N, C-alpha and C. Protein backbone atom coordinates (compact mmCIF):
# COMPACT_ATOMS: atom_id res chain seq x y z
N MET A 1 280.56 114.00 -16.17
CA MET A 1 279.24 115.04 -16.84
C MET A 1 278.19 114.22 -17.07
N THR A 2 276.86 114.87 -16.84
CA THR A 2 275.69 114.54 -17.58
C THR A 2 275.62 114.78 -18.49
N SER A 3 274.53 114.57 -19.33
CA SER A 3 274.03 114.75 -20.77
C SER A 3 273.43 115.86 -20.51
N GLN A 4 272.35 116.64 -19.55
CA GLN A 4 272.07 117.77 -19.14
C GLN A 4 273.20 118.82 -18.66
N GLU A 5 274.43 118.31 -18.28
CA GLU A 5 275.39 119.25 -17.65
C GLU A 5 276.29 119.46 -19.33
N LEU A 6 276.08 118.55 -19.98
CA LEU A 6 276.76 118.91 -21.36
C LEU A 6 276.06 119.70 -22.36
N GLU A 7 274.48 119.75 -22.45
CA GLU A 7 273.78 120.37 -23.26
C GLU A 7 273.50 121.79 -22.70
N ASP A 8 273.87 121.88 -21.26
CA ASP A 8 273.69 123.35 -20.47
C ASP A 8 275.11 124.22 -20.88
N TRP A 9 276.25 123.35 -21.06
CA TRP A 9 277.49 124.05 -21.53
C TRP A 9 277.51 123.84 -22.83
N LEU A 10 276.71 123.18 -23.58
CA LEU A 10 276.62 123.37 -25.35
C LEU A 10 276.20 125.02 -25.55
N LYS A 11 275.45 125.43 -24.31
CA LYS A 11 274.69 126.49 -24.53
C LYS A 11 275.36 128.05 -24.14
N THR A 12 276.60 127.42 -23.58
CA THR A 12 277.47 128.49 -23.06
C THR A 12 278.43 129.51 -24.34
N ASN A 13 278.66 130.90 -24.60
CA ASN A 13 279.72 131.25 -24.94
C ASN A 13 280.73 130.66 -25.16
N GLU A 14 281.12 129.88 -24.09
CA GLU A 14 282.66 129.37 -24.49
C GLU A 14 282.88 128.07 -25.29
N SER A 15 281.64 127.63 -25.29
CA SER A 15 281.39 126.35 -25.91
C SER A 15 281.59 126.93 -27.53
N THR A 16 280.77 127.79 -27.87
CA THR A 16 280.32 127.68 -28.94
C THR A 16 281.94 128.97 -30.03
N SER A 17 282.65 129.43 -28.84
CA SER A 17 283.55 130.04 -29.20
C SER A 17 284.81 129.61 -29.76
N SER A 18 285.18 128.45 -28.93
CA SER A 18 286.38 127.84 -29.17
C SER A 18 286.63 126.40 -29.99
N GLY A 19 287.44 126.14 -30.76
CA GLY A 19 287.53 125.30 -31.68
C GLY A 19 287.77 125.94 -32.95
N TRP A 20 288.16 124.49 -33.88
CA TRP A 20 287.86 124.24 -35.40
C TRP A 20 286.53 124.07 -35.59
N SER A 21 286.35 125.66 -37.19
CA SER A 21 285.23 125.76 -37.40
C SER A 21 285.21 124.13 -38.31
N LYS A 22 283.79 124.16 -38.70
CA LYS A 22 284.02 123.38 -39.26
C LYS A 22 283.61 123.92 -40.79
N ASP A 23 283.85 123.25 -41.99
CA ASP A 23 284.01 123.65 -43.46
C ASP A 23 282.89 124.02 -43.90
N ASP A 24 281.24 123.61 -43.63
CA ASP A 24 280.45 123.83 -44.46
C ASP A 24 279.53 124.81 -44.17
N GLY A 25 280.55 126.05 -43.50
CA GLY A 25 279.76 127.46 -43.13
C GLY A 25 279.08 127.76 -42.31
N SER A 26 278.35 126.83 -41.35
CA SER A 26 277.33 127.25 -40.71
C SER A 26 277.93 128.21 -39.36
N GLY A 27 279.57 127.76 -39.30
CA GLY A 27 279.71 128.78 -38.02
C GLY A 27 280.00 127.86 -36.48
N GLU A 28 279.32 126.31 -36.86
CA GLU A 28 279.71 125.32 -35.57
C GLU A 28 281.29 124.88 -35.61
N THR A 29 281.72 124.63 -34.42
CA THR A 29 282.74 123.71 -34.50
C THR A 29 282.71 122.31 -34.45
N ILE A 30 283.77 121.73 -34.62
CA ILE A 30 283.81 120.23 -34.76
C ILE A 30 283.71 119.59 -33.78
N GLY A 31 284.26 120.22 -32.36
CA GLY A 31 284.12 119.73 -30.72
C GLY A 31 282.65 119.92 -30.76
N HIS A 32 281.99 121.42 -30.75
CA HIS A 32 280.22 121.16 -30.40
C HIS A 32 279.58 120.64 -31.32
N GLU A 33 279.47 119.84 -32.46
CA GLU A 33 279.10 119.43 -33.18
C GLU A 33 279.35 118.12 -32.29
N SER A 34 280.41 117.34 -31.84
CA SER A 34 280.82 116.11 -31.39
C SER A 34 279.94 116.05 -30.00
N GLY A 35 280.16 117.18 -29.46
CA GLY A 35 278.98 117.15 -28.40
C GLY A 35 277.73 116.91 -28.00
N ARG A 36 277.15 117.90 -28.99
CA ARG A 36 275.81 117.50 -29.40
C ARG A 36 275.22 116.44 -29.68
N HIS A 37 276.07 115.50 -30.62
CA HIS A 37 276.16 114.20 -30.88
C HIS A 37 276.49 113.34 -29.47
N ILE A 38 277.04 113.68 -28.88
CA ILE A 38 277.42 113.01 -27.61
C ILE A 38 276.16 113.03 -26.75
N VAL A 39 275.99 114.42 -26.47
CA VAL A 39 274.31 114.36 -25.75
C VAL A 39 272.96 113.64 -26.37
N GLU A 40 273.09 113.14 -27.51
CA GLU A 40 272.35 112.43 -28.08
C GLU A 40 272.05 110.87 -28.00
N ILE A 41 273.47 110.35 -27.61
CA ILE A 41 273.85 109.43 -27.05
C ILE A 41 273.57 108.75 -25.56
N LEU A 42 274.20 109.99 -24.98
CA LEU A 42 273.65 109.73 -23.62
C LEU A 42 272.30 109.87 -23.24
N LYS A 43 271.24 110.41 -23.83
CA LYS A 43 269.89 110.72 -23.50
C LYS A 43 269.17 109.65 -24.03
N LYS A 44 269.50 108.62 -25.01
CA LYS A 44 268.93 107.77 -26.16
C LYS A 44 268.75 106.49 -25.09
N ASN A 45 270.54 106.49 -25.29
CA ASN A 45 270.36 105.28 -23.70
C ASN A 45 271.42 105.37 -22.21
N PRO A 46 270.51 106.12 -21.44
CA PRO A 46 270.90 106.72 -20.02
C PRO A 46 271.86 105.81 -19.31
N ASP A 47 271.10 103.87 -19.20
CA ASP A 47 271.62 103.43 -18.75
C ASP A 47 272.76 102.54 -19.03
N LYS A 48 273.36 103.56 -20.06
CA LYS A 48 274.55 102.08 -20.76
C LYS A 48 274.20 101.19 -20.99
N VAL A 49 272.78 100.72 -21.88
CA VAL A 49 272.99 99.46 -22.41
C VAL A 49 274.03 99.05 -23.29
N PRO A 50 274.29 98.02 -23.26
CA PRO A 50 275.41 98.10 -25.07
C PRO A 50 274.64 97.69 -26.07
N SER A 51 273.82 97.20 -26.03
CA SER A 51 272.60 96.84 -27.20
C SER A 51 271.89 98.51 -27.28
N GLY A 52 271.82 99.14 -26.54
CA GLY A 52 271.31 99.93 -26.78
C GLY A 52 271.65 101.36 -27.65
N TYR A 53 273.18 100.85 -28.29
CA TYR A 53 273.52 101.97 -29.36
C TYR A 53 273.61 101.29 -30.49
N ASP A 54 273.53 102.43 -31.18
CA ASP A 54 273.39 101.96 -33.20
C ASP A 54 275.26 101.99 -33.52
N GLU A 55 274.91 101.77 -34.71
CA GLU A 55 276.16 101.53 -35.15
C GLU A 55 277.18 102.94 -35.74
N GLU A 56 276.44 103.81 -35.40
CA GLU A 56 277.31 105.18 -35.51
C GLU A 56 277.85 105.24 -34.30
N ASP A 57 277.21 104.93 -32.94
CA ASP A 57 277.63 105.76 -31.78
C ASP A 57 279.09 105.10 -31.32
N ILE A 58 279.00 103.59 -31.59
CA ILE A 58 280.49 103.13 -30.50
C ILE A 58 281.29 103.86 -31.37
N PRO A 59 281.69 104.10 -32.74
CA PRO A 59 283.07 104.65 -33.30
C PRO A 59 282.93 106.35 -32.88
N HIS A 60 281.80 106.72 -32.61
CA HIS A 60 281.82 108.35 -32.34
C HIS A 60 282.09 108.41 -31.34
N MET A 61 282.06 107.87 -30.21
CA MET A 61 282.29 107.52 -28.64
C MET A 61 284.15 107.27 -29.09
N ARG A 62 284.04 106.10 -30.08
CA ARG A 62 285.73 106.15 -29.65
C ARG A 62 286.88 106.91 -30.29
N LYS A 63 286.31 107.64 -30.85
CA LYS A 63 286.94 109.06 -31.12
C LYS A 63 286.87 109.90 -30.65
N VAL A 64 285.85 110.35 -29.46
CA VAL A 64 286.21 111.29 -28.33
C VAL A 64 286.72 110.83 -27.35
N VAL A 65 286.83 109.49 -26.77
CA VAL A 65 287.55 108.60 -26.02
C VAL A 65 289.10 109.48 -26.26
N SER A 66 289.68 109.15 -27.62
CA SER A 66 290.81 109.13 -28.02
C SER A 66 291.25 110.49 -28.02
N TYR A 67 290.43 111.58 -28.35
CA TYR A 67 290.69 112.99 -28.45
C TYR A 67 291.10 113.30 -27.25
N CYS A 68 290.24 112.91 -25.89
CA CYS A 68 290.51 113.27 -24.56
C CYS A 68 291.86 112.43 -23.98
N LYS A 69 292.44 111.14 -24.20
CA LYS A 69 293.15 110.83 -24.01
C LYS A 69 294.25 111.45 -24.59
N ARG A 70 294.57 111.65 -25.87
CA ARG A 70 295.67 112.69 -26.15
C ARG A 70 295.89 113.62 -25.62
N HIS A 71 295.02 114.90 -25.85
CA HIS A 71 295.00 115.59 -25.04
C HIS A 71 295.02 116.00 -23.74
N LEU A 72 294.55 115.19 -22.58
CA LEU A 72 295.35 115.38 -21.42
C LEU A 72 296.56 114.92 -21.13
N ALA A 73 296.72 113.58 -22.45
CA ALA A 73 298.45 113.37 -22.56
C ALA A 73 299.44 114.64 -22.42
N GLN A 74 298.95 115.44 -23.43
CA GLN A 74 299.49 116.51 -24.08
C GLN A 74 299.41 117.98 -22.80
N GLU A 75 298.19 118.08 -22.12
CA GLU A 75 298.03 118.51 -20.72
C GLU A 75 299.52 118.48 -19.91
N GLU A 76 299.41 116.47 -19.52
CA GLU A 76 299.95 116.44 -18.72
C GLU A 76 301.67 116.54 -18.74
N LYS A 77 302.15 116.89 -20.26
CA LYS A 77 303.18 117.22 -20.84
C LYS A 77 303.92 118.73 -20.74
N ALA A 78 302.61 119.37 -20.83
CA ALA A 78 302.78 120.78 -20.79
C ALA A 78 303.04 121.27 -18.94
N LYS A 79 302.21 120.45 -18.25
CA LYS A 79 302.74 120.64 -17.08
C LYS A 79 304.20 120.57 -16.78
N GLN A 80 304.60 118.97 -17.21
CA GLN A 80 305.82 119.14 -16.83
C GLN A 80 307.09 119.53 -17.12
N ASP A 81 307.05 120.12 -18.42
CA ASP A 81 307.72 120.82 -18.93
C ASP A 81 307.82 122.76 -18.34
N VAL A 82 307.08 122.73 -17.50
CA VAL A 82 306.78 124.02 -17.04
C VAL A 82 307.31 124.26 -15.76
N GLU A 83 307.10 122.86 -15.12
CA GLU A 83 307.91 121.79 -13.63
C GLU A 83 309.32 121.94 -14.29
N ARG A 84 309.72 121.32 -15.20
CA ARG A 84 311.21 121.69 -15.30
C ARG A 84 311.82 122.92 -15.49
N MET A 85 311.19 124.08 -16.45
CA MET A 85 311.49 124.86 -16.34
C MET A 85 311.63 125.35 -15.14
N THR A 86 310.81 125.48 -14.54
CA THR A 86 310.90 126.24 -12.91
C THR A 86 311.84 125.63 -12.47
N LEU A 87 311.91 124.52 -12.32
CA LEU A 87 313.64 123.97 -11.58
C LEU A 87 314.68 124.95 -11.95
N ASN A 88 314.92 125.10 -13.35
CA ASN A 88 316.18 125.66 -14.14
C ASN A 88 316.12 126.83 -13.38
N ILE A 89 315.11 127.70 -13.14
CA ILE A 89 315.21 129.06 -13.10
C ILE A 89 316.05 129.17 -11.85
N TYR A 90 315.85 128.70 -10.97
CA TYR A 90 315.54 128.00 -9.09
C TYR A 90 317.15 127.72 -8.98
C-alpha cells in the first residue's frame, strides 16, 4: 500500500470507526493515529533510505510490523479452526 492509498483509506468511515479509542477524548482510534504516523514516515522518506528515518520512526515501524504479524497469525489460526470444525461436521 502506498502512502497515498493509506492516506485515502484513513479518510474513510471504515478506518475511523474501528479499533480501540485513545484515552485522550479525541475520538480517534489508536490504529488511526498509527496509520497517520506511517503516512508521515512514508512521505518523508519515499525511497526508504535507512538514514532518512529519525529515532521515533524505527520503533513505530517495528511496533506496526509486530502488530500485523500477530494479527495475521491469529487470522490464520482462526481459518484453521474453521476448517477443523467443518471437517468434523461432515
